[in-house]
Every structure is written in structure tokens, then in C-alpha cells.
Amino acid sequence: MSFELTKAKIEEAQIHIRSLDNIHSFPEYRSKFSASLESLCSIWDTLKSEGKSYIGFNLWKENKWNVIESDPLLHAAREWRRLNYHTGESPLLSIMENKTQVISNNAVNGDLPIVLGNEGIFRIKNSGLVDEERIPANDISHSVHLSIKNCPTSHLGNKIEGMLPDTILLLILSYYKTIYTEAATKWPD
């Protein structure tokens, strides 16, 4: 069968995207999101490489590239990947909901200052001293909302406003799966 490496890249991207389900810190989510994005963009590159020897592939590839370049989401994904890979800039935003509420009063640590770190909410013991300690504030309820900075609002003519980052990745994957299937059907070997 043709395009076996592209199929493997699709499977790799699916694994990366699924790994976003059980993450408990923003740095870990950002890392897995970056790996997912890198995987997604490599699908197109692998497809181009595998198809270059097929008759008629170059014209087909140019038509698909025009879609990738003109679709707001597909184009943005390649730009997010470029920025992330070359500058370290992540397209993700992490927003802590303002409705933080104390659900119990811990007599030992209740009077310590509360701070927000990448891994969640902490109380600081001995602030500014050599033996400063971050204690997880498990007695505080909070929620974190993730989104993508300046995310396009449409994809292939459909509105995509308000979607979670992993759903956005699944939309991109869906497009790449569609063109993989089309190529594998058109050039079965």
C-alpha cells in the first residue's frame, strides 16, 4: 500500500492528541500540545515526500497546498508550529478563573500567602527566606481555562469559535486524514 509513512504520522499525531486528556499542569499541556502540533504538520511533509514520484501528484499537491495556505486554521497551525519550533512561543493561553474559593480552612497553613504557579495554587511558607517552601493549596477550588491566542474563527468554511485547543487539533488532523485517504486511493501503488 502507498503512503505507509504518512499513515504512521497520522497515528503518531492521534497518540499525541489523545495524550492531552489526562494532564494536570499547564507546562505539561503546553509540551504535549507542541508535540501534537509538530506531529500534525509532519503529516503534510511526509505525504509530499512519499508522493513525489507518482504521476500527477505535483498538481494534486499544489491544489492541496492552496487549501492549506488559504484556510485560516490550517495556515495558522503551520505558523504556530513555526513560531513554537523556532522561537519557543506557544499559541496557548492559560487563564485562571477568578472565582477561587476556599473550601476548607487549614489551621496550619490557612494564614500563609496564596500564589498561583504553573502547576496550580500554592501557599508560600517562609516567603523570601532560604527555607521558602511551596505547599500545594489542596483546600482551594479553582479552574483553569485553556485557549489559543488569536485562534481563527473558521475552518474550511465552518465556524469554530470557542473550541478547546485539543478539539482544534482534531479538526486539523481530520483534514490531513482526508487528504491522506484521497492520495492513497488515487495512487494505491
C-alpha atoms as a PDB file:
ATOM      1  CA  MET A   1       0.000   0.000   0.000  1.00  0.00           C
ATOM      2  CA  SER A   2       1.173   3.527  -0.717  1.00  0.00           C
ATOM      3  CA  PHE A   3       1.735   6.314   1.810  1.00  0.00           C
ATOM      4  CA  GLU A   4       2.551   3.991   4.728  1.00  0.00           C
ATOM      5  CA  LEU A   5       4.824   6.587   6.368  1.00  0.00           C
ATOM      6  CA  THR A   6       2.064   9.183   6.143  1.00  0.00           C
ATOM      7  CA  LYS A   7      -0.337   6.725   7.776  1.00  0.00           C
ATOM      8  CA  ALA A   8       2.202   6.229  10.587  1.00  0.00           C
ATOM      9  CA  LYS A   9       2.454  10.021  11.053  1.00  0.00           C
ATOM     10  CA  ILE A  10      -1.345  10.231  11.350  1.00  0.00           C
ATOM     11  CA  GLU A  11      -1.281   7.519  14.024  1.00  0.00           C
ATOM     12  CA  GLU A  12       1.522   9.371  15.833  1.00  0.00           C
ATOM     13  CA  ALA A  13      -0.497  12.617  15.806  1.00  0.00           C
ATOM     14  CA  GLN A  14      -3.541  10.766  17.172  1.00  0.00           C
ATOM     15  CA  ILE A  15      -1.455   9.421  20.064  1.00  0.00           C
ATOM     16  CA  HIS A  16      -0.113  12.896  20.865  1.00  0.00           C
ATOM     17  CA  ILE A  17      -3.575  14.478  20.766  1.00  0.00           C
ATOM     18  CA  ARG A  18      -5.087  11.733  22.947  1.00  0.00           C
ATOM     19  CA  SER A  19      -2.314  12.340  25.493  1.00  0.00           C
ATOM     20  CA  LEU A  20      -3.810  15.801  26.167  1.00  0.00           C
ATOM     21  CA  ASP A  21      -6.768  14.223  28.001  1.00  0.00           C
ATOM     22  CA  ASN A  22      -5.077  13.410  31.316  1.00  0.00           C
ATOM     23  CA  ILE A  23      -2.787  16.332  32.006  1.00  0.00           C
ATOM     24  CA  HIS A  24      -2.744  18.243  35.285  1.00  0.00           C
ATOM     25  CA  SER A  25      -0.323  21.127  34.703  1.00  0.00           C
ATOM     26  CA  PHE A  26      -0.037  23.891  32.154  1.00  0.00           C
ATOM     27  CA  PRO A  27       3.655  23.210  31.330  1.00  0.00           C
ATOM     28  CA  GLU A  28       2.853  19.558  30.630  1.00  0.00           C
ATOM     29  CA  TYR A  29      -0.169  20.523  28.486  1.00  0.00           C
ATOM     30  CA  ARG A  30       1.917  23.077  26.572  1.00  0.00           C
ATOM     31  CA  SER A  31       4.580  20.435  25.918  1.00  0.00           C
ATOM     32  CA  LYS A  32       2.078  17.822  24.704  1.00  0.00           C
ATOM     33  CA  PHE A  33       0.254  20.434  22.614  1.00  0.00           C
ATOM     34  CA  SER A  34       3.552  21.363  20.942  1.00  0.00           C
ATOM     35  CA  ALA A  35       4.308  17.701  20.205  1.00  0.00           C
ATOM     36  CA  SER A  36       0.809  17.296  18.752  1.00  0.00           C
ATOM     37  CA  LEU A  37       1.251  20.342  16.541  1.00  0.00           C
ATOM     38  CA  GLU A  38       4.657  19.155  15.346  1.00  0.00           C
ATOM     39  CA  SER A  39       3.179  15.748  14.552  1.00  0.00           C
ATOM     40  CA  LEU A  40       0.275  17.245  12.628  1.00  0.00           C
ATOM     41  CA  CYS A  41       2.491  19.407  10.443  1.00  0.00           C
ATOM     42  CA  SER A  42       4.788  16.481   9.689  1.00  0.00           C
ATOM     43  CA  ILE A  43       1.854  14.623   8.083  1.00  0.00           C
ATOM     44  CA  TRP A  44       1.834  17.041   5.149  1.00  0.00           C
ATOM     45  CA  ASP A  45       5.615  16.958   4.799  1.00  0.00           C
ATOM     46  CA  THR A  46       5.646  13.139   4.797  1.00  0.00           C
ATOM     47  CA  LEU A  47       2.772  12.952   2.311  1.00  0.00           C
ATOM     48  CA  LYS A  48       4.670  15.261  -0.084  1.00  0.00           C
ATOM     49  CA  SER A  49       7.815  13.181   0.234  1.00  0.00           C
ATOM     50  CA  GLU A  50       6.063   9.876  -0.360  1.00  0.00           C
ATOM     51  CA  GLY A  51       4.019  11.135  -3.304  1.00  0.00           C
ATOM     52  CA  LYS A  52       6.677  12.938  -5.302  1.00  0.00           C
ATOM     53  CA  SER A  53       7.329  10.011  -7.672  1.00  0.00           C
ATOM     54  CA  TYR A  54       3.662   9.482  -8.644  1.00  0.00           C
ATOM     55  CA  ILE A  55       2.404  10.835 -11.966  1.00  0.00           C
ATOM     56  CA  GLY A  56       0.062  13.763 -11.425  1.00  0.00           C
ATOM     57  CA  PHE A  57       0.959  14.103  -7.754  1.00  0.00           C
ATOM     58  CA  ASN A  58       2.592  17.541  -8.076  1.00  0.00           C
ATOM     59  CA  LEU A  59      -0.561  19.149  -9.479  1.00  0.00           C
ATOM     60  CA  TRP A  60      -2.697  17.447  -6.819  1.00  0.00           C
ATOM     61  CA  LYS A  61      -0.211  18.563  -4.135  1.00  0.00           C
ATOM     62  CA  GLU A  62      -0.330  22.187  -5.333  1.00  0.00           C
ATOM     63  CA  ASN A  63      -4.137  22.197  -5.086  1.00  0.00           C
ATOM     64  CA  LYS A  64      -3.994  20.832  -1.531  1.00  0.00           C
ATOM     65  CA  TRP A  65      -1.278  23.336  -0.593  1.00  0.00           C
ATOM     66  CA  ASN A  66      -3.515  26.167  -1.826  1.00  0.00           C
ATOM     67  CA  VAL A  67      -6.213  24.943   0.583  1.00  0.00           C
ATOM     68  CA  ILE A  68      -3.712  24.737   3.459  1.00  0.00           C
ATOM     69  CA  GLU A  69      -2.446  28.244   2.754  1.00  0.00           C
ATOM     70  CA  SER A  70      -5.893  29.794   2.265  1.00  0.00           C
ATOM     71  CA  ASP A  71      -7.738  28.098   5.141  1.00  0.00           C
ATOM     72  CA  PRO A  72      -7.368  30.248   8.264  1.00  0.00           C
ATOM     73  CA  LEU A  73      -6.941  27.313  10.679  1.00  0.00           C
ATOM     74  CA  LEU A  74      -4.605  25.162   8.579  1.00  0.00           C
ATOM     75  CA  HIS A  75      -2.442  28.171   7.798  1.00  0.00           C
ATOM     76  CA  ALA A  76      -2.413  29.256  11.455  1.00  0.00           C
ATOM     77  CA  ALA A  77      -1.397  25.755  12.589  1.00  0.00           C
ATOM     78  CA  ARG A  78       1.701  25.840  10.402  1.00  0.00           C
ATOM     79  CA  GLU A  79       2.530  29.323  11.727  1.00  0.00           C
ATOM     80  CA  TRP A  80       2.009  28.179  15.361  1.00  0.00           C
ATOM     81  CA  ARG A  81       4.329  25.260  14.699  1.00  0.00           C
ATOM     82  CA  ARG A  82       6.955  27.536  13.100  1.00  0.00           C
ATOM     83  CA  LEU A  83       6.879  30.004  15.990  1.00  0.00           C
ATOM     84  CA  ASN A  84       6.926  27.267  18.603  1.00  0.00           C
ATOM     85  CA  TYR A  85       9.763  25.379  16.944  1.00  0.00           C
ATOM     86  CA  HIS A  86      11.964  28.375  16.111  1.00  0.00           C
ATOM     87  CA  THR A  87      11.221  30.842  18.929  1.00  0.00           C
ATOM     88  CA  GLY A  88       9.652  28.736  21.684  1.00  0.00           C
ATOM     89  CA  GLU A  89       6.482  30.850  21.560  1.00  0.00           C
ATOM     90  CA  SER A  90       3.391  28.816  22.391  1.00  0.00           C
ATOM     91  CA  PRO A  91      -0.021  29.701  20.943  1.00  0.00           C
ATOM     92  CA  LEU A  92      -1.664  28.586  24.199  1.00  0.00           C
ATOM     93  CA  LEU A  93      -3.169  30.803  26.871  1.00  0.00           C
ATOM     94  CA  SER A  94      -3.889  29.624  30.399  1.00  0.00           C
ATOM     95  CA  ILE A  95      -6.494  31.641  32.266  1.00  0.00           C
ATOM     96  CA  MET A  96      -7.270  31.046  35.934  1.00  0.00           C
ATOM     97  CA  GLU A  97     -10.935  31.597  36.701  1.00  0.00           C
ATOM     98  CA  ASN A  98     -11.355  34.457  39.187  1.00  0.00           C
ATOM     99  CA  LYS A  99     -13.846  32.538  41.296  1.00  0.00           C
ATOM    100  CA  THR A 100     -11.259  30.897  43.537  1.00  0.00           C
ATOM    101  CA  GLN A 101     -12.891  29.877  46.761  1.00  0.00           C
ATOM    102  CA  VAL A 102     -11.583  28.336  49.947  1.00  0.00           C
ATOM    103  CA  ILE A 103     -13.419  25.067  50.557  1.00  0.00           C
ATOM    104  CA  SER A 104     -11.883  24.411  53.976  1.00  0.00           C
ATOM    105  CA  ASN A 105      -9.800  26.387  56.401  1.00  0.00           C
ATOM    106  CA  ASN A 106      -6.470  24.709  57.087  1.00  0.00           C
ATOM    107  CA  ALA A 107      -5.457  25.860  60.564  1.00  0.00           C
ATOM    108  CA  VAL A 108      -1.762  25.148  59.935  1.00  0.00           C
ATOM    109  CA  ASN A 109      -1.383  26.842  56.540  1.00  0.00           C
ATOM    110  CA  GLY A 110      -4.527  28.975  56.311  1.00  0.00           C
ATOM    111  CA  ASP A 111      -2.756  32.266  57.023  1.00  0.00           C
ATOM    112  CA  LEU A 112       0.081  31.754  54.514  1.00  0.00           C
ATOM    113  CA  PRO A 113       0.119  33.866  51.330  1.00  0.00           C
ATOM    114  CA  ILE A 114      -1.522  32.218  48.310  1.00  0.00           C
ATOM    115  CA  VAL A 115       0.229  32.288  44.921  1.00  0.00           C
ATOM    116  CA  LEU A 116      -0.521  30.881  41.505  1.00  0.00           C
ATOM    117  CA  GLY A 117       2.241  28.838  39.883  1.00  0.00           C
ATOM    118  CA  ASN A 118       2.416  26.924  36.614  1.00  0.00           C
ATOM    119  CA  GLU A 119       1.333  23.762  38.415  1.00  0.00           C
ATOM    120  CA  GLY A 120      -1.576  25.307  40.314  1.00  0.00           C
ATOM    121  CA  ILE A 121      -2.274  27.207  43.544  1.00  0.00           C
ATOM    122  CA  PHE A 122       0.261  27.148  46.387  1.00  0.00           C
ATOM    123  CA  ARG A 123       0.738  28.661  49.807  1.00  0.00           C
ATOM    124  CA  ILE A 124       4.191  30.112  50.462  1.00  0.00           C
ATOM    125  CA  LYS A 125       5.813  29.304  53.800  1.00  0.00           C
ATOM    126  CA  ASN A 126       8.832  31.389  54.897  1.00  0.00           C
ATOM    127  CA  SER A 127       8.471  33.714  51.918  1.00  0.00           C
ATOM    128  CA  GLY A 128      11.778  35.216  50.770  1.00  0.00           C
ATOM    129  CA  LEU A 129      13.875  33.093  53.133  1.00  0.00           C
ATOM    130  CA  VAL A 130      16.384  30.363  52.309  1.00  0.00           C
ATOM    131  CA  ASP A 131      13.943  27.711  53.516  1.00  0.00           C
ATOM    132  CA  GLU A 132      10.987  29.071  51.482  1.00  0.00           C
ATOM    133  CA  GLU A 133       8.513  26.302  50.734  1.00  0.00           C
ATOM    134  CA  ARG A 134       5.661  25.968  48.251  1.00  0.00           C
ATOM    135  CA  ILE A 135       2.816  23.956  49.743  1.00  0.00           C
ATOM    136  CA  PRO A 136       0.057  22.804  47.358  1.00  0.00           C
ATOM    137  CA  ALA A 137      -3.175  24.548  48.372  1.00  0.00           C
ATOM    138  CA  ASN A 138      -5.387  21.490  48.065  1.00  0.00           C
ATOM    139  CA  ASP A 139      -8.047  23.203  50.167  1.00  0.00           C
ATOM    140  CA  ILE A 140      -8.709  25.772  47.425  1.00  0.00           C
ATOM    141  CA  SER A 141     -11.003  25.203  44.469  1.00  0.00           C
ATOM    142  CA  HIS A 142     -10.079  26.770  41.123  1.00  0.00           C
ATOM    143  CA  SER A 143     -10.454  26.148  37.430  1.00  0.00           C
ATOM    144  CA  VAL A 144      -8.111  26.833  34.543  1.00  0.00           C
ATOM    145  CA  HIS A 145      -9.328  27.594  31.038  1.00  0.00           C
ATOM    146  CA  LEU A 146      -7.098  26.935  28.046  1.00  0.00           C
ATOM    147  CA  SER A 147      -7.415  28.654  24.710  1.00  0.00           C
ATOM    148  CA  ILE A 148      -5.332  29.514  21.679  1.00  0.00           C
ATOM    149  CA  LYS A 149      -4.129  33.085  21.141  1.00  0.00           C
ATOM    150  CA  ASN A 150      -5.711  34.718  18.102  1.00  0.00           C
ATOM    151  CA  CYS A 151      -7.281  31.445  17.004  1.00  0.00           C
ATOM    152  CA  PRO A 152      -9.022  31.655  13.630  1.00  0.00           C
ATOM    153  CA  THR A 153     -12.805  31.579  13.787  1.00  0.00           C
ATOM    154  CA  SER A 154     -13.360  29.440  10.686  1.00  0.00           C
ATOM    155  CA  HIS A 155     -12.040  26.262   9.099  1.00  0.00           C
ATOM    156  CA  LEU A 156     -12.963  25.114   5.594  1.00  0.00           C
ATOM    157  CA  GLY A 157     -15.925  27.497   5.663  1.00  0.00           C
ATOM    158  CA  ASN A 158     -17.254  26.381   9.081  1.00  0.00           C
ATOM    159  CA  LYS A 159     -17.319  28.485  12.262  1.00  0.00           C
ATOM    160  CA  ILE A 160     -15.033  27.162  15.005  1.00  0.00           C
ATOM    161  CA  GLU A 161     -15.274  29.825  17.701  1.00  0.00           C
ATOM    162  CA  GLY A 162     -14.921  28.819  21.349  1.00  0.00           C
ATOM    163  CA  MET A 163     -13.419  25.383  20.766  1.00  0.00           C
ATOM    164  CA  LEU A 164     -10.859  23.867  23.120  1.00  0.00           C
ATOM    165  CA  PRO A 165      -7.264  23.504  21.889  1.00  0.00           C
ATOM    166  CA  ASP A 166      -7.465  19.701  21.600  1.00  0.00           C
ATOM    167  CA  THR A 167     -10.662  19.993  19.519  1.00  0.00           C
ATOM    168  CA  ILE A 168      -8.856  22.435  17.232  1.00  0.00           C
ATOM    169  CA  LEU A 169      -6.060  19.875  16.803  1.00  0.00           C
ATOM    170  CA  LEU A 170      -8.624  17.185  15.926  1.00  0.00           C
ATOM    171  CA  LEU A 171     -10.058  19.428  13.183  1.00  0.00           C
ATOM    172  CA  ILE A 172      -6.594  19.832  11.679  1.00  0.00           C
ATOM    173  CA  LEU A 173      -5.987  16.085  11.933  1.00  0.00           C
ATOM    174  CA  SER A 174      -9.297  15.411  10.185  1.00  0.00           C
ATOM    175  CA  TYR A 175      -8.211  17.459   7.172  1.00  0.00           C
ATOM    176  CA  TYR A 176      -4.869  15.676   6.929  1.00  0.00           C
ATOM    177  CA  LYS A 177      -6.583  12.278   7.242  1.00  0.00           C
ATOM    178  CA  THR A 178      -8.910  13.260   4.392  1.00  0.00           C
ATOM    179  CA  ILE A 179      -6.093  14.190   2.020  1.00  0.00           C
ATOM    180  CA  TYR A 180      -4.101  11.092   3.038  1.00  0.00           C
ATOM    181  CA  THR A 181      -7.114   8.901   2.161  1.00  0.00           C
ATOM    182  CA  GLU A 182      -7.559  10.733  -1.127  1.00  0.00           C
ATOM    183  CA  ALA A 183      -3.881  10.267  -2.053  1.00  0.00           C
ATOM    184  CA  ALA A 184      -3.810   6.598  -1.004  1.00  0.00           C
ATOM    185  CA  THR A 185      -6.925   5.945  -3.093  1.00  0.00           C
ATOM    186  CA  LYS A 186      -5.662   7.889  -6.111  1.00  0.00           C
ATOM    187  CA  TRP A 187      -2.184   6.284  -6.045  1.00  0.00           C
ATOM    188  CA  PRO A 188      -2.662   2.832  -4.443  1.00  0.00           C
ATOM    189  CA  ASP A 189       0.708   1.630  -5.850  1.00  0.00           C
END
